[in-house]
Protein backbone atom coordinates (compact mmCIF):
# COMPACT_ATOMS: atom_id res chain seq x y z
CA GLN A 1 99.64 150.60 17.17
CA VAL A 2 99.21 152.53 20.59
CA ARG A 3 101.91 153.83 22.43
CA LEU A 4 101.46 154.71 26.09
CA VAL A 5 103.94 156.55 28.42
CA GLU A 6 103.29 156.78 32.02
CA SER A 7 104.70 159.29 34.50
CA GLY A 8 104.25 160.51 38.07
CA GLY A 9 105.29 157.84 40.08
CA GLY A 10 107.72 158.21 43.20
CA LEU A 11 108.13 158.02 46.78
CA VAL A 12 105.52 159.46 49.01
CA GLN A 13 104.63 159.02 52.79
CA PRO A 14 101.66 157.31 53.96
CA GLY A 15 98.62 159.57 53.74
CA GLY A 16 100.09 161.33 50.77
CA SER A 17 98.91 161.74 47.33
CA LEU A 18 100.39 161.07 43.83
CA ARG A 19 98.75 161.66 40.33
CA LEU A 20 99.83 159.22 37.64
CA SER A 21 99.57 160.15 34.00
CA CYS A 22 99.29 158.02 30.90
CA ALA A 23 99.77 159.74 27.62
CA ALA A 24 98.58 157.93 24.58
CA SER A 25 99.94 158.15 21.07
CA VAL A 26 96.33 158.01 19.69
CA SER A 27 93.16 160.14 20.11
CA SER A 28 91.01 158.95 23.14
CA PHE A 29 88.05 158.63 20.64
CA SER A 30 89.65 155.38 19.02
CA ILE A 31 90.13 153.67 22.54
CA ASN A 32 87.24 151.69 24.23
CA ALA A 33 88.50 151.49 27.67
CA MET A 34 91.56 152.68 29.81
CA ARG A 35 92.86 150.75 32.78
CA TRP A 36 95.42 151.21 35.44
CA TYR A 37 96.75 147.99 36.76
CA ARG A 38 99.27 147.50 39.58
CA GLN A 39 101.84 144.84 40.49
CA ALA A 40 103.58 144.37 43.68
CA PRO A 41 106.47 142.20 44.13
CA GLY A 42 105.83 138.69 44.65
CA LYS A 43 102.18 139.44 43.62
CA GLN A 44 99.87 139.08 40.58
CA ARG A 45 99.05 142.02 38.60
CA GLU A 46 95.73 143.52 39.64
CA LEU A 47 93.08 145.84 38.10
CA VAL A 48 92.93 149.26 39.98
CA ALA A 49 90.77 151.43 37.93
CA LEU A 50 88.95 151.28 34.64
CA LEU A 51 87.42 154.16 32.50
CA TRP A 52 85.10 153.19 29.70
CA SER A 53 85.09 155.53 26.65
CA LEU A 54 81.57 156.72 27.68
CA GLY A 55 82.80 157.82 31.15
CA SER A 56 81.66 155.10 33.49
CA THR A 57 84.54 153.94 36.00
CA HIS A 58 85.08 150.81 38.10
CA TYR A 59 87.51 150.60 41.06
CA ALA A 60 89.04 147.74 43.12
CA GLU A 61 87.59 147.72 46.41
CA SER A 62 90.96 148.34 47.95
CA VAL A 63 91.13 151.70 46.31
CA LYS A 64 87.65 152.95 46.41
CA GLY A 65 87.06 156.48 47.75
CA ARG A 66 90.92 157.05 47.63
CA PHE A 67 91.81 156.89 43.72
CA THR A 68 90.04 158.53 40.88
CA ILE A 69 90.51 157.80 37.15
CA SER A 70 89.95 160.60 34.81
CA ARG A 71 90.89 161.82 31.26
CA ASP A 72 91.76 164.75 29.40
CA ASN A 73 90.80 164.18 25.72
CA ALA A 74 92.29 167.22 24.26
CA LYS A 75 95.75 165.96 25.74
CA ASN A 76 94.79 162.05 24.96
CA THR A 77 96.00 161.30 28.57
CA VAL A 78 94.48 159.57 31.31
CA TYR A 79 95.20 160.10 35.09
CA LEU A 80 95.10 158.22 38.27
CA GLN A 81 94.58 160.41 41.26
CA MET A 82 95.81 158.66 44.34
CA ASN A 83 95.03 160.09 47.82
CA SER A 84 95.43 158.66 51.41
CA LEU A 85 98.21 156.51 50.05
CA LYS A 86 98.99 153.44 52.08
CA PRO A 87 102.07 151.24 52.28
CA GLU A 88 100.05 148.39 50.62
CA ASP A 89 99.78 150.55 47.50
CA THR A 90 103.38 150.16 46.73
CA ALA A 91 103.77 148.74 43.30
CA VAL A 92 104.56 149.15 39.68
CA TYR A 93 101.48 150.90 38.00
CA TYR A 94 100.73 150.07 34.58
CA CYS A 95 98.37 151.88 32.24
CA ASN A 96 96.58 149.61 29.64
CA ALA A 97 94.49 150.76 26.50
CA GLU A 98 91.82 148.45 24.84
CA SER A 99 91.11 149.37 21.15
CA LEU A 100 87.54 149.90 19.97
CA GLY A 101 85.95 146.42 19.40
CA GLY A 102 88.43 144.85 22.14
CA ALA A 103 90.74 143.56 19.35
CA SER A 104 93.93 144.62 20.76
CA SER A 105 95.55 145.70 24.15
CA TYR A 106 98.27 147.90 24.78
CA TRP A 107 100.78 148.42 27.82
CA GLY A 108 102.75 151.27 28.93
CA GLN A 109 106.19 150.70 30.52
CA GLY A 110 105.29 151.12 34.18
CA THR A 111 105.85 153.54 36.95
CA GLN A 112 107.04 152.86 40.37
CA VAL A 113 104.82 154.00 43.20
CA THR A 114 106.29 153.52 46.77
CA VAL A 115 104.69 154.39 49.95
CA SER A 116 106.93 154.49 52.99
CA SER A 117 107.92 156.68 55.89
């Protein structure tokens, strides 16, 4: 069982930045991939960023060049640095961990990000 705890959400003005954190209860080396998703009111949950265990990344087109996913293996923590935030980035952001072999998927509780002036 993997426990994920997100933090770092909040209210920010358009053009501002936030860094989300996702602390995992297990070593990063037992996880195949980490993902950040978001879900805005009335919309489906969408993949924002993906970080594979070997380091390759993938981003949604809507956040490319603005968001960066990274990790600190010593802290078993994954980050999502969000710059140049837009009102359309407003959503609940969820962290997801995929176990080695892809057999299991774990979710955090979500953290609210609101971009508004």
